Amino acid sequence: MSNARPSEGSTANLLLGRGQSSVEYLVILACVVGVMVAVPDGALDDLLTALARAYSRFTEGVSRP
């Protein structure tokens, strides 16, 4: 039986690969958010309007006796 352990270099490459994918996801997320913010009357505006309307209806319903 061999108790072979991964070399230090392969462990570092594994950790680096995990970090790289996280950075890639963050870059994509930043691009999506940038597009949503940059477009006037775009999806972000619609989303915030819908949330405000839902919150207003909720608080009105809760305040009724």
Protein backbone atom coordinates (compact mmCIF):
# COMPACT_ATOMS: atom_id res chain seq x y z
CA MET A 1 0.00 0.00 0.00
CA SER A 2 1.16 3.42 -0.82
CA ASN A 3 0.36 6.45 1.25
CA ALA A 4 0.89 8.86 -1.61
CA ARG A 5 -0.01 12.42 -0.81
CA PRO A 6 -0.65 14.99 -3.48
CA SER A 7 2.30 17.20 -4.13
CA GLU A 8 2.26 20.73 -2.82
CA GLY A 9 2.07 22.11 -6.34
CA SER A 10 -1.09 20.20 -7.25
CA THR A 11 -2.83 21.42 -4.07
CA ALA A 12 -1.91 24.99 -4.90
CA ASN A 13 -3.23 24.55 -8.44
CA LEU A 14 -6.51 23.13 -7.09
CA LEU A 15 -6.97 26.09 -4.75
CA LEU A 16 -6.03 28.53 -7.49
CA GLY A 17 -8.59 26.94 -9.82
CA ARG A 18 -11.35 27.35 -7.24
CA GLY A 19 -10.45 30.99 -6.72
CA GLN A 20 -10.36 31.64 -10.44
CA SER A 21 -13.90 30.34 -10.96
CA SER A 22 -15.14 32.57 -8.13
CA VAL A 23 -13.55 35.57 -9.80
CA GLU A 24 -15.14 34.62 -13.12
CA TYR A 25 -18.59 34.42 -11.50
CA LEU A 26 -18.05 37.83 -9.88
CA VAL A 27 -17.04 39.36 -13.22
CA ILE A 28 -20.17 37.99 -14.92
CA LEU A 29 -22.35 39.22 -12.03
CA ALA A 30 -20.76 42.67 -12.21
CA CYS A 31 -21.43 42.82 -15.97
CA VAL A 32 -25.09 41.86 -15.50
CA VAL A 33 -25.57 44.44 -12.74
CA GLY A 34 -23.77 47.07 -14.82
CA VAL A 35 -26.11 46.48 -17.75
CA MET A 36 -29.15 46.60 -15.47
CA VAL A 37 -28.02 49.92 -13.99
CA ALA A 38 -26.89 51.50 -17.27
CA VAL A 39 -30.14 50.99 -19.18
CA PRO A 40 -32.67 53.71 -18.33
CA ASP A 41 -36.14 52.32 -17.67
CA GLY A 42 -34.65 48.86 -17.82
CA ALA A 43 -35.06 45.70 -15.82
CA LEU A 44 -33.69 47.16 -12.58
CA ASP A 45 -36.19 50.00 -12.66
CA ASP A 46 -39.03 47.53 -13.24
CA LEU A 47 -37.81 45.30 -10.42
CA LEU A 48 -37.55 48.16 -7.92
CA THR A 49 -40.99 49.48 -8.92
CA ALA A 50 -42.51 46.02 -8.44
CA LEU A 51 -40.86 45.64 -5.02
CA ALA A 52 -42.08 49.07 -3.92
CA ARG A 53 -45.62 48.28 -5.06
CA ALA A 54 -45.61 44.91 -3.27
CA TYR A 55 -44.25 46.47 -0.08
CA SER A 56 -46.88 49.22 -0.22
CA ARG A 57 -49.69 46.69 -0.63
CA PHE A 58 -48.30 44.53 2.17
CA THR A 59 -48.04 47.40 4.65
CA GLU A 60 -51.52 48.61 3.72
CA GLY A 61 -52.93 45.13 4.34
CA VAL A 62 -51.12 44.77 7.66
CA SER A 63 -52.32 48.16 8.90
CA ARG A 64 -55.99 47.35 8.42
CA PRO A 65 -57.86 46.22 11.55
